[in-house]
Amino acid sequence: MDKLMVTMVVPVVAVVHMVVGQIKVVLVTPEVIHLQKETMVVEIQLVLLIPQEEAEELVQ
């Protein structure tokens, strides 16, 4: 259960911060970053390829 939450937190935070024009994963705890360091980087790169409109739809 914990691992599932961790994987979901990273892309959501990345999308939210991309929408406001800031690429910061400040809401992710150090523990999460440690557990999902490689995944986090991949997710952020994928999120940045998403158009603004689609990113906003994902957030809603």
PDB file of N, CA and C in Angstrom:
ATOM      1  N   MET A   1       0.839  -1.204   0.000  1.00  0.00           N
ATOM      2  CA  MET A   1       0.000   0.000   0.000  1.00  0.00           C
ATOM      3  C   MET A   1       0.871   1.250   0.000  1.00  0.00           C
ATOM      4  N   ASP A   2       1.891   1.260   0.851  1.00  0.00           N
ATOM      5  CA  ASP A   2       2.781   2.418   0.919  1.00  0.00           C
ATOM      6  C   ASP A   2       3.481   2.659  -0.419  1.00  0.00           C
ATOM      7  N   LYS A   3       3.966   1.581  -1.027  1.00  0.00           N
ATOM      8  CA  LYS A   3       4.677   1.736  -2.298  1.00  0.00           C
ATOM      9  C   LYS A   3       3.759   2.286  -3.387  1.00  0.00           C
ATOM     10  N   LEU A   4       2.498   1.866  -3.375  1.00  0.00           N
ATOM     11  CA  LEU A   4       1.543   2.356  -4.367  1.00  0.00           C
ATOM     12  C   LEU A   4       1.324   3.857  -4.208  1.00  0.00           C
ATOM     13  N   MET A   5       1.161   4.306  -2.988  1.00  0.00           N
ATOM     14  CA  MET A   5       0.974   5.736  -2.731  1.00  0.00           C
ATOM     15  C   MET A   5       2.185   6.535  -3.181  1.00  0.00           C
ATOM     16  N   VAL A   6       3.364   6.014  -2.870  1.00  0.00           N
ATOM     17  CA  VAL A   6       4.602   6.713  -3.225  1.00  0.00           C
ATOM     18  C   VAL A   6       4.693   6.916  -4.739  1.00  0.00           C
ATOM     19  N   THR A   7       4.357   5.879  -5.485  1.00  0.00           N
ATOM     20  CA  THR A   7       4.455   5.990  -6.941  1.00  0.00           C
ATOM     21  C   THR A   7       3.443   6.988  -7.483  1.00  0.00           C
ATOM     22  N   MET A   8       2.297   7.099  -6.842  1.00  0.00           N
ATOM     23  CA  MET A   8       1.265   8.013  -7.318  1.00  0.00           C
ATOM     24  C   MET A   8       1.570   9.466  -6.941  1.00  0.00           C
ATOM     25  N   VAL A   9       2.204   9.666  -5.810  1.00  0.00           N
ATOM     26  CA  VAL A   9       2.485  11.023  -5.332  1.00  0.00           C
ATOM     27  C   VAL A   9       3.402  11.782  -6.285  1.00  0.00           C
ATOM     28  N   VAL A  10       4.432  11.124  -6.773  1.00  0.00           N
ATOM     29  CA  VAL A  10       5.460  11.807  -7.567  1.00  0.00           C
ATOM     30  C   VAL A  10       4.921  12.468  -8.838  1.00  0.00           C
ATOM     31  N   PRO A  11       4.241  11.727  -9.739  1.00  0.00           N
ATOM     32  CA  PRO A  11       3.746  12.369 -10.958  1.00  0.00           C
ATOM     33  C   PRO A  11       2.708  13.457 -10.694  1.00  0.00           C
ATOM     34  N   VAL A  12       1.866  13.256  -9.694  1.00  0.00           N
ATOM     35  CA  VAL A  12       0.839  14.256  -9.378  1.00  0.00           C
ATOM     36  C   VAL A  12       1.483  15.568  -8.953  1.00  0.00           C
ATOM     37  N   VAL A  13       2.471  15.497  -8.065  1.00  0.00           N
ATOM     38  CA  VAL A  13       3.152  16.701  -7.604  1.00  0.00           C
ATOM     39  C   VAL A  13       3.859  17.376  -8.768  1.00  0.00           C
ATOM     40  N   ALA A  14       4.493  16.590  -9.629  1.00  0.00           N
ATOM     41  CA  ALA A  14       5.211  17.141 -10.770  1.00  0.00           C
ATOM     42  C   ALA A  14       4.251  17.877 -11.707  1.00  0.00           C
ATOM     43  N   VAL A  15       3.086  17.292 -11.952  1.00  0.00           N
ATOM     44  CA  VAL A  15       2.097  17.914 -12.838  1.00  0.00           C
ATOM     45  C   VAL A  15       1.608  19.229 -12.245  1.00  0.00           C
ATOM     46  N   VAL A  16       1.262  19.217 -10.970  1.00  0.00           N
ATOM     47  CA  VAL A  16       0.746  20.424 -10.319  1.00  0.00           C
ATOM     48  C   VAL A  16       1.747  21.565 -10.427  1.00  0.00           C
ATOM     49  N   HIS A  17       3.027  21.269 -10.170  1.00  0.00           N
ATOM     50  CA  HIS A  17       4.017  22.336 -10.181  1.00  0.00           C
ATOM     51  C   HIS A  17       4.337  22.798 -11.597  1.00  0.00           C
ATOM     52  N   MET A  18       4.170  21.901 -12.577  1.00  0.00           N
ATOM     53  CA  MET A  18       4.379  22.304 -13.963  1.00  0.00           C
ATOM     54  C   MET A  18       3.301  23.301 -14.366  1.00  0.00           C
ATOM     55  N   VAL A  19       2.076  23.071 -13.897  1.00  0.00           N
ATOM     56  CA  VAL A  19       0.946  23.934 -14.259  1.00  0.00           C
ATOM     57  C   VAL A  19       1.165  25.354 -13.740  1.00  0.00           C
ATOM     58  N   VAL A  20       1.728  25.498 -12.553  1.00  0.00           N
ATOM     59  CA  VAL A  20       1.959  26.829 -12.000  1.00  0.00           C
ATOM     60  C   VAL A  20       3.271  27.421 -12.500  1.00  0.00           C
ATOM     61  N   GLY A  21       3.940  26.687 -13.405  1.00  0.00           N
ATOM     62  CA  GLY A  21       5.147  27.217 -14.013  1.00  0.00           C
ATOM     63  C   GLY A  21       6.397  27.034 -13.175  1.00  0.00           C
ATOM     64  N   GLN A  22       6.354  26.126 -12.205  1.00  0.00           N
ATOM     65  CA  GLN A  22       7.531  25.885 -11.384  1.00  0.00           C
ATOM     66  C   GLN A  22       7.793  24.392 -11.326  1.00  0.00           C
ATOM     67  N   ILE A  23       9.008  23.996 -11.697  1.00  0.00           N
ATOM     68  CA  ILE A  23       9.335  22.578 -11.644  1.00  0.00           C
ATOM     69  C   ILE A  23      10.038  22.297 -10.314  1.00  0.00           C
ATOM     70  N   LYS A  24       9.240  22.146  -9.270  1.00  0.00           N
ATOM     71  CA  LYS A  24       9.780  21.870  -7.949  1.00  0.00           C
ATOM     72  C   LYS A  24       8.972  20.740  -7.324  1.00  0.00           C
ATOM     73  N   VAL A  25       9.654  19.758  -6.793  1.00  0.00           N
ATOM     74  CA  VAL A  25       8.936  18.645  -6.170  1.00  0.00           C
ATOM     75  C   VAL A  25       9.056  18.806  -4.655  1.00  0.00           C
ATOM     76  N   VAL A  26       8.694  19.992  -4.168  1.00  0.00           N
ATOM     77  CA  VAL A  26       8.887  20.343  -2.763  1.00  0.00           C
ATOM     78  C   VAL A  26       7.939  19.576  -1.840  1.00  0.00           C
ATOM     79  N   LEU A  27       6.824  19.078  -2.399  1.00  0.00           N
ATOM     80  CA  LEU A  27       5.842  18.397  -1.557  1.00  0.00           C
ATOM     81  C   LEU A  27       6.215  16.942  -1.309  1.00  0.00           C
ATOM     82  N   VAL A  28       7.240  16.452  -2.013  1.00  0.00           N
ATOM     83  CA  VAL A  28       7.666  15.070  -1.838  1.00  0.00           C
ATOM     84  C   VAL A  28       8.673  14.996  -0.688  1.00  0.00           C
ATOM     85  N   THR A  29       8.403  14.124   0.262  1.00  0.00           N
ATOM     86  CA  THR A  29       9.276  13.996   1.424  1.00  0.00           C
ATOM     87  C   THR A  29      10.602  13.358   1.033  1.00  0.00           C
ATOM     88  N   PRO A  30      11.670  13.622   1.797  1.00  0.00           N
ATOM     89  CA  PRO A  30      12.984  13.011   1.535  1.00  0.00           C
ATOM     90  C   PRO A  30      12.895  11.493   1.459  1.00  0.00           C
ATOM     91  N   GLU A  31      12.024  10.887   2.275  1.00  0.00           N
ATOM     92  CA  GLU A  31      11.872   9.433   2.250  1.00  0.00           C
ATOM     93  C   GLU A  31      11.341   8.972   0.902  1.00  0.00           C
ATOM     94  N   VAL A  32      10.348   9.690   0.377  1.00  0.00           N
ATOM     95  CA  VAL A  32       9.778   9.334  -0.922  1.00  0.00           C
ATOM     96  C   VAL A  32      10.825   9.481  -2.021  1.00  0.00           C
ATOM     97  N   ILE A  33      11.588  10.569  -1.968  1.00  0.00           N
ATOM     98  CA  ILE A  33      12.639  10.807  -2.965  1.00  0.00           C
ATOM     99  C   ILE A  33      13.659   9.672  -2.923  1.00  0.00           C
ATOM    100  N   HIS A  34      13.978   9.219  -1.725  1.00  0.00           N
ATOM    101  CA  HIS A  34      14.944   8.130  -1.577  1.00  0.00           C
ATOM    102  C   HIS A  34      14.394   6.835  -2.173  1.00  0.00           C
ATOM    103  N   LEU A  35      13.112   6.581  -1.932  1.00  0.00           N
ATOM    104  CA  LEU A  35      12.496   5.343  -2.405  1.00  0.00           C
ATOM    105  C   LEU A  35      12.259   5.355  -3.911  1.00  0.00           C
ATOM    106  N   GLN A  36      11.968   6.532  -4.460  1.00  0.00           N
ATOM    107  CA  GLN A  36      11.546   6.604  -5.858  1.00  0.00           C
ATOM    108  C   GLN A  36      12.421   7.564  -6.682  1.00  0.00           C
ATOM    109  N   LYS A  37      13.704   7.648  -6.354  1.00  0.00           N
ATOM    110  CA  LYS A  37      14.569   8.625  -7.007  1.00  0.00           C
ATOM    111  C   LYS A  37      14.552   8.458  -8.539  1.00  0.00           C
ATOM    112  N   GLU A  38      14.817   7.251  -9.017  1.00  0.00           N
ATOM    113  CA  GLU A  38      14.851   7.031 -10.466  1.00  0.00           C
ATOM    114  C   GLU A  38      13.477   7.226 -11.091  1.00  0.00           C
ATOM    115  N   THR A  39      12.443   6.703 -10.447  1.00  0.00           N
ATOM    116  CA  THR A  39      11.086   6.836 -10.974  1.00  0.00           C
ATOM    117  C   THR A  39      10.681   8.301 -11.035  1.00  0.00           C
ATOM    118  N   MET A  40      11.038   9.066 -10.007  1.00  0.00           N
ATOM    119  CA  MET A  40      10.679  10.477  -9.946  1.00  0.00           C
ATOM    120  C   MET A  40      11.237  11.215 -11.157  1.00  0.00           C
ATOM    121  N   VAL A  41      12.502  10.972 -11.487  1.00  0.00           N
ATOM    122  CA  VAL A  41      13.125  11.648 -12.624  1.00  0.00           C
ATOM    123  C   VAL A  41      12.399  11.301 -13.924  1.00  0.00           C
ATOM    124  N   VAL A  42      12.099  10.032 -14.108  1.00  0.00           N
ATOM    125  CA  VAL A  42      11.399   9.595 -15.318  1.00  0.00           C
ATOM    126  C   VAL A  42      10.020  10.219 -15.407  1.00  0.00           C
ATOM    127  N   GLU A  43       9.282  10.204 -14.279  1.00  0.00           N
ATOM    128  CA  GLU A  43       7.931  10.760 -14.282  1.00  0.00           C
ATOM    129  C   GLU A  43       7.940  12.250 -14.622  1.00  0.00           C
ATOM    130  N   ILE A  44       8.889  13.000 -14.040  1.00  0.00           N
ATOM    131  CA  ILE A  44       8.958  14.438 -14.298  1.00  0.00           C
ATOM    132  C   ILE A  44       9.255  14.698 -15.775  1.00  0.00           C
ATOM    133  N   GLN A  45      10.160  13.904 -16.361  1.00  0.00           N
ATOM    134  CA  GLN A  45      10.482  14.082 -17.770  1.00  0.00           C
ATOM    135  C   GLN A  45       9.253  13.821 -18.645  1.00  0.00           C
ATOM    136  N   LEU A  46       8.473  12.794 -18.292  1.00  0.00           N
ATOM    137  CA  LEU A  46       7.255  12.492 -19.052  1.00  0.00           C
ATOM    138  C   LEU A  46       6.233  13.602 -18.895  1.00  0.00           C
ATOM    139  N   VAL A  47       6.091  14.099 -17.685  1.00  0.00           N
ATOM    140  CA  VAL A  47       5.117  15.161 -17.408  1.00  0.00           C
ATOM    141  C   VAL A  47       5.451  16.422 -18.192  1.00  0.00           C
ATOM    142  N   LEU A  48       6.728  16.749 -18.317  1.00  0.00           N
ATOM    143  CA  LEU A  48       7.125  17.961 -19.012  1.00  0.00           C
ATOM    144  C   LEU A  48       6.822  17.893 -20.511  1.00  0.00           C
ATOM    145  N   LEU A  49       6.600  16.675 -21.017  1.00  0.00           N
ATOM    146  CA  LEU A  49       6.261  16.528 -22.429  1.00  0.00           C
ATOM    147  C   LEU A  49       4.765  16.701 -22.665  1.00  0.00           C
ATOM    148  N   ILE A  50       3.994  16.785 -21.583  1.00  0.00           N
ATOM    149  CA  ILE A  50       2.542  16.939 -21.693  1.00  0.00           C
ATOM    150  C   ILE A  50       2.190  18.425 -21.887  1.00  0.00           C
ATOM    151  N   PRO A  51       1.352  18.736 -22.889  1.00  0.00           N
ATOM    152  CA  PRO A  51       0.915  20.116 -23.117  1.00  0.00           C
ATOM    153  C   PRO A  51       0.206  20.687 -21.891  1.00  0.00           C
ATOM    154  N   GLN A  52       0.269  21.983 -21.732  1.00  0.00           N
ATOM    155  CA  GLN A  52      -0.336  22.664 -20.577  1.00  0.00           C
ATOM    156  C   GLN A  52      -1.800  22.269 -20.383  1.00  0.00           C
ATOM    157  N   GLU A  53      -2.569  22.254 -21.474  1.00  0.00           N
ATOM    158  CA  GLU A  53      -3.993  21.955 -21.381  1.00  0.00           C
ATOM    159  C   GLU A  53      -4.233  20.552 -20.824  1.00  0.00           C
ATOM    160  N   GLU A  54      -3.456  19.580 -21.317  1.00  0.00           N
ATOM    161  CA  GLU A  54      -3.634  18.205 -20.860  1.00  0.00           C
ATOM    162  C   GLU A  54      -3.209  18.078 -19.401  1.00  0.00           C
ATOM    163  N   ALA A  55      -2.166  18.782 -19.024  1.00  0.00           N
ATOM    164  CA  ALA A  55      -1.695  18.736 -17.643  1.00  0.00           C
ATOM    165  C   ALA A  55      -2.773  19.268 -16.701  1.00  0.00           C
ATOM    166  N   GLU A  56      -3.431  20.337 -17.097  1.00  0.00           N
ATOM    167  CA  GLU A  56      -4.487  20.917 -16.268  1.00  0.00           C
ATOM    168  C   GLU A  56      -5.670  19.955 -16.146  1.00  0.00           C
ATOM    169  N   GLU A  57      -5.953  19.217 -17.222  1.00  0.00           N
ATOM    170  CA  GLU A  57      -7.035  18.232 -17.166  1.00  0.00           C
ATOM    171  C   GLU A  57      -6.683  17.119 -16.191  1.00  0.00           C
ATOM    172  N   LEU A  58      -5.410  16.706 -16.167  1.00  0.00           N
ATOM    173  CA  LEU A  58      -4.983  15.649 -15.258  1.00  0.00           C
ATOM    174  C   LEU A  58      -5.140  16.080 -13.814  1.00  0.00           C
ATOM    175  N   VAL A  59      -4.858  17.348 -13.550  1.00  0.00           N
ATOM    176  CA  VAL A  59      -4.958  17.859 -12.181  1.00  0.00           C
ATOM    177  C   VAL A  59      -6.409  17.870 -11.724  1.00  0.00           C
ATOM    178  N   GLN A  60      -7.319  18.191 -12.626  1.00  0.00           N
ATOM    179  CA  GLN A  60      -8.742  18.244 -12.274  1.00  0.00           C
ATOM    180  C   GLN A  60      -9.361  16.881 -12.179  1.00  0.00           C
TER     181      GLN A  60
END
